[in-house]
Amino acid sequence: MEVGVYPLKKALEIARELEEDLVEISPNATPPVCKIMDYKKFVYEQKKREKALKAKATKVVIKEIRFGPNTDDHDYEFKKKHGEKFLKDGAKLKAYVFFKGRSIIYKDKGEILLLRLAQDLEDYGKVEQMPKLEGKRMTMFIAPKKK
C-alpha cells in the first residue's frame, strides 16, 4: 500500500482489504486527514498520551493559616514560621483572620496583622491578593517565589 491522497471510497476499500479501520486524525484540515489503523489501538494511544500530560501538570497546593484579630506575638511568630515552610515547599498560602462574634469591630487589627505577615514573608513569596473582608473572615493569598 502506498501513502497518498485518496478519495473516501478508495480509502475505505483499502482499509477493508487490510481488515483495518479508517481513522480520522485531523477533521479540521482540508482535506481531512485519515489513517488506516486499528481504532482500539488509536484510542489506547490517545488515552496514554492524555494521561502522560496530566501527570506532568503541576498541582497547586493551598495551605491555610488562621489568625484571630488579637493574636499575640508568640502565636504570630509560630504561625509565620509555618507559613515560611509552606512557601519554601512551593505551596500557596492562604492566611486569614477569623472574626468571632463582636470581634468584627477589630477589622483594622486584622488587616494590620495580615499586612505584617505579607511584609515578613516577602523574601519567600509575593502577595497574590491583598487582604479582603468576606463575611466574618479577612483573607489574603501569598504565592511562592520561583526558584
N, C-alpha and C. Protein backbone atom coordinates (compact mmCIF):
# COMPACT_ATOMS: atom_id res chain seq x y z
N MET A 1 0.84 -1.18 0.00
CA MET A 1 0.00 0.00 0.00
C MET A 1 0.88 1.24 0.00
N GLU A 2 0.46 2.21 -0.73
CA GLU A 2 1.24 3.43 -0.89
C GLU A 2 0.58 4.59 -0.15
N VAL A 3 1.41 5.43 0.47
CA VAL A 3 0.91 6.61 1.16
C VAL A 3 0.54 7.64 0.11
N GLY A 4 -0.62 8.26 0.29
CA GLY A 4 -1.03 9.26 -0.67
C GLY A 4 -2.40 9.81 -0.35
N VAL A 5 -2.89 10.64 -1.26
CA VAL A 5 -4.20 11.25 -1.09
C VAL A 5 -5.19 10.43 -1.90
N TYR A 6 -6.21 9.89 -1.22
CA TYR A 6 -7.21 9.07 -1.87
C TYR A 6 -8.59 9.62 -1.60
N PRO A 7 -9.52 9.42 -2.54
CA PRO A 7 -10.91 9.78 -2.24
C PRO A 7 -11.46 8.83 -1.17
N LEU A 8 -12.52 9.22 -0.53
CA LEU A 8 -13.07 8.48 0.61
C LEU A 8 -13.39 7.02 0.26
N LYS A 9 -14.05 6.79 -0.89
CA LYS A 9 -14.42 5.42 -1.28
C LYS A 9 -13.19 4.55 -1.44
N LYS A 10 -12.18 5.07 -2.11
CA LYS A 10 -10.95 4.31 -2.34
C LYS A 10 -10.26 3.99 -1.01
N ALA A 11 -10.21 4.98 -0.10
CA ALA A 11 -9.58 4.79 1.21
C ALA A 11 -10.32 3.72 2.01
N LEU A 12 -11.67 3.73 1.96
CA LEU A 12 -12.47 2.72 2.67
C LEU A 12 -12.21 1.32 2.09
N GLU A 13 -12.10 1.23 0.76
CA GLU A 13 -11.81 -0.06 0.12
C GLU A 13 -10.46 -0.61 0.59
N ILE A 14 -9.46 0.25 0.61
CA ILE A 14 -8.11 -0.17 1.03
C ILE A 14 -8.15 -0.64 2.48
N ALA A 15 -8.88 0.08 3.34
CA ALA A 15 -8.99 -0.29 4.75
C ALA A 15 -9.67 -1.66 4.90
N ARG A 16 -10.72 -1.92 4.11
CA ARG A 16 -11.42 -3.21 4.18
C ARG A 16 -10.51 -4.35 3.74
N GLU A 17 -9.74 -4.09 2.68
CA GLU A 17 -8.82 -5.12 2.19
C GLU A 17 -7.80 -5.49 3.26
N LEU A 18 -7.31 -4.48 3.99
CA LEU A 18 -6.30 -4.73 5.03
C LEU A 18 -6.92 -5.16 6.36
N GLU A 19 -8.25 -5.21 6.41
CA GLU A 19 -9.01 -5.54 7.62
C GLU A 19 -8.62 -4.62 8.79
N GLU A 20 -8.55 -3.34 8.49
CA GLU A 20 -8.24 -2.31 9.48
C GLU A 20 -9.36 -1.27 9.45
N ASP A 21 -9.24 -0.24 10.31
CA ASP A 21 -10.24 0.83 10.36
C ASP A 21 -9.65 2.09 9.72
N LEU A 22 -10.54 2.91 9.16
CA LEU A 22 -10.14 4.21 8.62
C LEU A 22 -10.41 5.23 9.72
N VAL A 23 -9.34 5.75 10.31
CA VAL A 23 -9.46 6.65 11.47
C VAL A 23 -9.15 8.08 11.04
N GLU A 24 -10.08 9.00 11.38
CA GLU A 24 -9.90 10.41 11.06
C GLU A 24 -8.97 11.04 12.10
N ILE A 25 -7.81 11.49 11.65
CA ILE A 25 -6.81 12.03 12.56
C ILE A 25 -7.04 13.52 12.83
N SER A 26 -7.18 14.31 11.78
CA SER A 26 -7.49 15.73 11.99
C SER A 26 -8.62 16.15 11.06
N PRO A 27 -9.83 16.26 11.62
CA PRO A 27 -11.01 16.57 10.81
C PRO A 27 -11.06 18.02 10.31
N ASN A 28 -10.32 18.92 10.96
CA ASN A 28 -10.39 20.33 10.58
C ASN A 28 -9.51 20.68 9.38
N ALA A 29 -8.60 19.79 9.03
CA ALA A 29 -7.71 20.06 7.89
C ALA A 29 -8.50 19.93 6.59
N THR A 30 -8.00 20.56 5.54
CA THR A 30 -8.64 20.42 4.23
C THR A 30 -7.63 19.82 3.28
N PRO A 31 -7.83 18.66 2.74
CA PRO A 31 -8.89 17.70 3.06
C PRO A 31 -8.62 17.04 4.42
N PRO A 32 -9.65 16.44 5.05
CA PRO A 32 -9.46 15.80 6.35
C PRO A 32 -8.41 14.69 6.27
N VAL A 33 -7.60 14.59 7.31
CA VAL A 33 -6.53 13.60 7.32
C VAL A 33 -7.03 12.33 8.00
N CYS A 34 -6.88 11.19 7.30
CA CYS A 34 -7.29 9.90 7.84
C CYS A 34 -6.11 8.94 7.77
N LYS A 35 -6.18 7.91 8.62
CA LYS A 35 -5.10 6.94 8.67
C LYS A 35 -5.73 5.55 8.78
N ILE A 36 -5.13 4.59 8.12
CA ILE A 36 -5.62 3.22 8.20
C ILE A 36 -4.89 2.54 9.35
N MET A 37 -5.65 2.19 10.38
CA MET A 37 -5.05 1.57 11.58
C MET A 37 -6.14 0.89 12.39
N ASP A 38 -5.74 0.25 13.48
CA ASP A 38 -6.68 -0.38 14.40
C ASP A 38 -7.23 0.73 15.31
N TYR A 39 -8.55 0.92 15.31
CA TYR A 39 -9.17 2.02 16.07
C TYR A 39 -8.95 1.87 17.57
N LYS A 40 -9.05 0.65 18.09
CA LYS A 40 -8.87 0.44 19.52
C LYS A 40 -7.46 0.84 19.95
N LYS A 41 -6.49 0.54 19.09
CA LYS A 41 -5.10 0.91 19.38
C LYS A 41 -4.95 2.43 19.39
N PHE A 42 -5.64 3.10 18.46
CA PHE A 42 -5.61 4.56 18.38
C PHE A 42 -6.16 5.19 19.65
N VAL A 43 -7.31 4.68 20.13
CA VAL A 43 -7.94 5.21 21.35
C VAL A 43 -7.03 4.98 22.55
N TYR A 44 -6.41 3.79 22.61
CA TYR A 44 -5.49 3.46 23.69
C TYR A 44 -4.30 4.42 23.72
N GLU A 45 -3.71 4.66 22.56
CA GLU A 45 -2.56 5.58 22.45
C GLU A 45 -2.96 6.99 22.88
N GLN A 46 -4.16 7.41 22.48
CA GLN A 46 -4.64 8.76 22.81
C GLN A 46 -4.82 8.91 24.33
N LYS A 47 -5.41 7.90 24.97
CA LYS A 47 -5.59 7.94 26.42
C LYS A 47 -4.25 7.96 27.14
N LYS A 48 -3.31 7.19 26.62
CA LYS A 48 -1.97 7.11 27.20
C LYS A 48 -1.29 8.49 27.13
N ARG A 49 -1.44 9.16 25.99
CA ARG A 49 -0.86 10.50 25.79
C ARG A 49 -1.49 11.51 26.76
N GLU A 50 -2.82 11.46 26.90
CA GLU A 50 -3.52 12.38 27.81
C GLU A 50 -3.10 12.15 29.26
N LYS A 51 -2.94 10.89 29.63
CA LYS A 51 -2.54 10.54 30.99
C LYS A 51 -1.13 11.08 31.28
N ALA A 52 -0.24 10.97 30.30
CA ALA A 52 1.13 11.48 30.48
C ALA A 52 1.12 12.99 30.65
N LEU A 53 0.29 13.70 29.90
CA LEU A 53 0.19 15.16 30.00
C LEU A 53 -0.38 15.55 31.36
N LYS A 54 -1.37 14.78 31.83
CA LYS A 54 -2.00 15.07 33.11
C LYS A 54 -1.00 14.87 34.26
N ALA A 55 -0.16 13.88 34.13
CA ALA A 55 0.84 13.60 35.17
C ALA A 55 1.88 14.72 35.25
N LYS A 56 2.19 15.31 34.11
CA LYS A 56 3.19 16.39 34.07
C LYS A 56 2.64 17.71 34.61
N ALA A 57 1.31 17.87 34.57
CA ALA A 57 0.69 19.11 35.04
C ALA A 57 0.95 19.30 36.53
N THR A 58 1.28 20.52 36.91
CA THR A 58 1.56 20.78 38.32
C THR A 58 0.27 20.97 39.10
N LYS A 59 0.23 20.40 40.27
CA LYS A 59 -0.94 20.53 41.11
C LYS A 59 -0.68 21.63 42.14
N VAL A 60 -1.62 22.56 42.25
CA VAL A 60 -1.47 23.68 43.17
C VAL A 60 -1.96 23.26 44.55
N VAL A 61 -1.08 23.36 45.53
CA VAL A 61 -1.43 23.02 46.90
C VAL A 61 -1.64 24.33 47.66
N ILE A 62 -2.76 24.45 48.36
CA ILE A 62 -3.04 25.65 49.14
C ILE A 62 -3.04 25.28 50.62
N LYS A 63 -2.16 25.92 51.37
CA LYS A 63 -2.09 25.70 52.82
C LYS A 63 -2.72 26.91 53.50
N GLU A 64 -3.40 26.68 54.61
CA GLU A 64 -4.10 27.76 55.31
C GLU A 64 -3.48 28.03 56.68
N ILE A 65 -3.46 29.30 57.05
CA ILE A 65 -3.06 29.72 58.39
C ILE A 65 -4.17 30.62 58.91
N ARG A 66 -4.64 30.32 60.12
CA ARG A 66 -5.75 31.07 60.70
C ARG A 66 -5.27 31.90 61.88
N PHE A 67 -5.66 33.15 61.87
CA PHE A 67 -5.35 34.07 62.97
C PHE A 67 -6.65 34.58 63.58
N GLY A 68 -6.55 35.09 64.80
CA GLY A 68 -7.64 35.84 65.41
C GLY A 68 -7.24 37.30 65.36
N PRO A 69 -8.16 38.23 65.53
CA PRO A 69 -7.78 39.65 65.45
C PRO A 69 -6.82 40.06 66.57
N ASN A 70 -6.83 39.36 67.69
CA ASN A 70 -5.96 39.71 68.81
C ASN A 70 -4.86 38.67 69.04
N THR A 71 -4.33 38.10 67.95
CA THR A 71 -3.26 37.10 68.06
C THR A 71 -2.02 37.75 68.65
N ASP A 72 -1.43 37.13 69.68
CA ASP A 72 -0.25 37.73 70.32
C ASP A 72 1.02 37.38 69.54
N ASP A 73 2.15 38.00 69.91
CA ASP A 73 3.39 37.88 69.15
C ASP A 73 3.92 36.46 69.06
N HIS A 74 3.86 35.71 70.15
CA HIS A 74 4.40 34.35 70.13
C HIS A 74 3.63 33.48 69.13
N ASP A 75 2.32 33.54 69.18
CA ASP A 75 1.50 32.76 68.24
C ASP A 75 1.74 33.22 66.81
N TYR A 76 1.87 34.54 66.64
CA TYR A 76 2.13 35.09 65.31
C TYR A 76 3.44 34.53 64.75
N GLU A 77 4.51 34.56 65.54
CA GLU A 77 5.83 34.07 65.11
C GLU A 77 5.75 32.58 64.76
N PHE A 78 5.05 31.83 65.59
CA PHE A 78 4.89 30.39 65.38
C PHE A 78 4.21 30.12 64.03
N LYS A 79 3.13 30.83 63.77
CA LYS A 79 2.38 30.65 62.53
C LYS A 79 3.15 31.18 61.32
N LYS A 80 3.93 32.25 61.54
CA LYS A 80 4.74 32.81 60.46
C LYS A 80 5.77 31.78 60.00
N LYS A 81 6.38 31.05 60.96
CA LYS A 81 7.36 30.02 60.61
C LYS A 81 6.72 28.91 59.77
N HIS A 82 5.49 28.56 60.13
CA HIS A 82 4.77 27.56 59.33
C HIS A 82 4.53 28.09 57.90
N GLY A 83 4.12 29.34 57.80
CA GLY A 83 3.89 29.95 56.50
C GLY A 83 5.15 29.97 55.66
N GLU A 84 6.28 30.27 56.31
CA GLU A 84 7.59 30.28 55.64
C GLU A 84 7.89 28.89 55.06
N LYS A 85 7.65 27.87 55.87
CA LYS A 85 7.91 26.48 55.46
C LYS A 85 7.01 26.10 54.26
N PHE A 86 5.73 26.48 54.34
CA PHE A 86 4.81 26.16 53.25
C PHE A 86 5.26 26.80 51.94
N LEU A 87 5.68 28.06 52.00
CA LEU A 87 6.11 28.76 50.79
C LEU A 87 7.41 28.17 50.25
N LYS A 88 8.32 27.76 51.15
CA LYS A 88 9.57 27.12 50.71
C LYS A 88 9.28 25.81 49.99
N ASP A 89 8.25 25.10 50.45
CA ASP A 89 7.88 23.82 49.83
C ASP A 89 7.13 24.01 48.51
N GLY A 90 6.80 25.26 48.16
CA GLY A 90 6.15 25.55 46.88
C GLY A 90 4.63 25.58 46.92
N ALA A 91 4.05 25.61 48.12
CA ALA A 91 2.59 25.67 48.23
C ALA A 91 2.14 27.12 48.33
N LYS A 92 0.92 27.39 47.86
CA LYS A 92 0.34 28.72 48.05
C LYS A 92 -0.12 28.83 49.49
N LEU A 93 -0.13 30.04 50.00
CA LEU A 93 -0.51 30.26 51.39
C LEU A 93 -1.78 31.12 51.44
N LYS A 94 -2.77 30.63 52.18
CA LYS A 94 -4.00 31.40 52.39
C LYS A 94 -4.02 31.75 53.87
N ALA A 95 -3.75 33.01 54.18
CA ALA A 95 -3.76 33.46 55.57
C ALA A 95 -5.07 34.21 55.78
N TYR A 96 -5.73 33.89 56.89
CA TYR A 96 -6.97 34.61 57.15
C TYR A 96 -7.16 34.88 58.64
N VAL A 97 -7.84 35.99 58.89
CA VAL A 97 -8.21 36.36 60.25
C VAL A 97 -9.70 36.08 60.38
N PHE A 98 -10.06 35.28 61.40
CA PHE A 98 -11.46 34.93 61.61
C PHE A 98 -12.01 35.77 62.75
N PHE A 99 -13.06 36.50 62.47
CA PHE A 99 -13.68 37.37 63.47
C PHE A 99 -14.87 36.64 64.09
N LYS A 100 -14.77 36.36 65.41
CA LYS A 100 -15.86 35.69 66.13
C LYS A 100 -16.72 36.74 66.82
N GLY A 101 -18.00 36.57 66.75
CA GLY A 101 -18.94 37.44 67.48
C GLY A 101 -18.72 38.91 67.21
N ARG A 102 -18.48 39.66 68.30
CA ARG A 102 -18.33 41.12 68.16
C ARG A 102 -16.92 41.55 67.82
N SER A 103 -16.00 40.59 67.66
CA SER A 103 -14.61 40.96 67.34
C SER A 103 -14.48 41.59 65.95
N ILE A 104 -15.58 41.64 65.19
CA ILE A 104 -15.57 42.25 63.86
C ILE A 104 -15.22 43.74 63.96
N ILE A 105 -15.34 44.32 65.16
CA ILE A 105 -15.00 45.74 65.32
C ILE A 105 -13.49 45.96 65.20
N TYR A 106 -12.71 44.86 65.24
CA TYR A 106 -11.25 44.97 65.11
C TYR A 106 -10.78 44.67 63.69
N LYS A 107 -11.55 45.09 62.68
CA LYS A 107 -11.17 44.85 61.28
C LYS A 107 -9.79 45.40 60.97
N ASP A 108 -9.52 46.60 61.49
CA ASP A 108 -8.23 47.24 61.21
C ASP A 108 -7.07 46.42 61.81
N LYS A 109 -7.26 45.84 62.99
CA LYS A 109 -6.23 44.99 63.60
C LYS A 109 -5.95 43.77 62.73
N GLY A 110 -7.02 43.18 62.20
CA GLY A 110 -6.88 42.01 61.33
C GLY A 110 -6.10 42.34 60.08
N GLU A 111 -6.42 43.47 59.47
CA GLU A 111 -5.73 43.88 58.24
C GLU A 111 -4.26 44.16 58.52
N ILE A 112 -3.97 44.85 59.63
CA ILE A 112 -2.59 45.14 60.01
C ILE A 112 -1.81 43.84 60.20
N LEU A 113 -2.44 42.86 60.84
CA LEU A 113 -1.81 41.56 61.08
C LEU A 113 -1.44 40.87 59.76
N LEU A 114 -2.37 40.87 58.80
CA LEU A 114 -2.12 40.22 57.52
C LEU A 114 -1.06 40.96 56.71
N LEU A 115 -1.08 42.29 56.75
CA LEU A 115 -0.07 43.06 56.02
C LEU A 115 1.31 42.86 56.64
N ARG A 116 1.35 42.72 57.96
CA ARG A 116 2.61 42.44 58.64
C ARG A 116 3.16 41.07 58.21
N LEU A 117 2.26 40.09 58.10
CA LEU A 117 2.67 38.76 57.64
C LEU A 117 3.22 38.83 56.21
N ALA A 118 2.53 39.58 55.35
CA ALA A 118 2.98 39.72 53.96
C ALA A 118 4.37 40.34 53.91
N GLN A 119 4.60 41.33 54.76
CA GLN A 119 5.89 42.00 54.80
C GLN A 119 6.98 41.05 55.31
N ASP A 120 6.66 40.27 56.34
CA ASP A 120 7.63 39.33 56.91
C ASP A 120 7.97 38.19 55.96
N LEU A 121 7.02 37.82 55.10
CA LEU A 121 7.24 36.69 54.18
C LEU A 121 7.59 37.12 52.76
N GLU A 122 7.92 38.41 52.56
CA GLU A 122 8.18 38.87 51.20
C GLU A 122 9.42 38.24 50.57
N ASP A 123 10.34 37.69 51.39
CA ASP A 123 11.51 37.00 50.85
C ASP A 123 11.14 35.65 50.25
N TYR A 124 10.04 35.07 50.71
CA TYR A 124 9.65 33.73 50.30
C TYR A 124 8.50 33.69 49.30
N GLY A 125 7.68 34.73 49.29
CA GLY A 125 6.54 34.76 48.38
C GLY A 125 6.03 36.16 48.15
N LYS A 126 5.20 36.29 47.12
CA LYS A 126 4.62 37.61 46.84
C LYS A 126 3.10 37.55 47.03
N VAL A 127 2.55 38.66 47.44
CA VAL A 127 1.10 38.73 47.71
C VAL A 127 0.35 38.62 46.39
N GLU A 128 -0.55 37.65 46.34
CA GLU A 128 -1.36 37.44 45.15
C GLU A 128 -2.69 38.20 45.26
N GLN A 129 -3.20 38.27 46.49
CA GLN A 129 -4.43 39.02 46.74
C GLN A 129 -4.31 39.73 48.08
N MET A 130 -4.50 41.02 48.06
CA MET A 130 -4.41 41.81 49.28
C MET A 130 -5.55 41.43 50.22
N PRO A 131 -5.42 41.75 51.52
CA PRO A 131 -6.47 41.38 52.48
C PRO A 131 -7.85 41.89 52.04
N LYS A 132 -8.81 40.98 52.07
CA LYS A 132 -10.16 41.31 51.61
C LYS A 132 -11.15 40.69 52.60
N LEU A 133 -12.09 41.50 53.08
CA LEU A 133 -13.07 41.03 54.05
C LEU A 133 -14.23 40.35 53.33
N GLU A 134 -14.47 39.08 53.69
CA GLU A 134 -15.59 38.32 53.13
C GLU A 134 -16.38 37.73 54.30
N GLY A 135 -17.45 38.35 54.64
CA GLY A 135 -18.26 37.88 55.77
C GLY A 135 -17.51 38.06 57.08
N LYS A 136 -17.24 36.95 57.78
CA LYS A 136 -16.56 37.03 59.07
C LYS A 136 -15.06 36.76 58.97
N ARG A 137 -14.54 36.65 57.77
CA ARG A 137 -13.10 36.40 57.65
C ARG A 137 -12.45 37.35 56.64
N MET A 138 -11.24 37.75 56.99
CA MET A 138 -10.43 38.61 56.11
C MET A 138 -9.33 37.73 55.55
N THR A 139 -9.29 37.58 54.22
CA THR A 139 -8.40 36.62 53.57
C THR A 139 -7.33 37.31 52.73
N MET A 140 -6.15 36.67 52.69
CA MET A 140 -5.05 37.15 51.85
C MET A 140 -4.33 35.92 51.29
N PHE A 141 -3.94 35.96 50.01
CA PHE A 141 -3.22 34.87 49.37
C PHE A 141 -1.79 35.28 49.09
N ILE A 142 -0.85 34.37 49.36
CA ILE A 142 0.57 34.60 49.07
C ILE A 142 1.05 33.44 48.21
N ALA A 143 1.63 33.75 47.05
CA ALA A 143 2.16 32.71 46.15
C ALA A 143 3.67 32.59 46.35
N PRO A 144 4.22 31.39 46.28
CA PRO A 144 5.67 31.22 46.46
C PRO A 144 6.45 31.85 45.32
N LYS A 145 7.66 32.33 45.64
CA LYS A 145 8.53 32.89 44.60
C LYS A 145 9.16 31.75 43.84
N LYS A 146 9.37 31.94 42.55
CA LYS A 146 10.00 30.92 41.71
C LYS A 146 11.48 30.85 42.04
N LYS A 147 12.00 29.62 41.99
CA LYS A 147 13.42 29.44 42.31
C LYS A 147 14.27 29.71 41.11
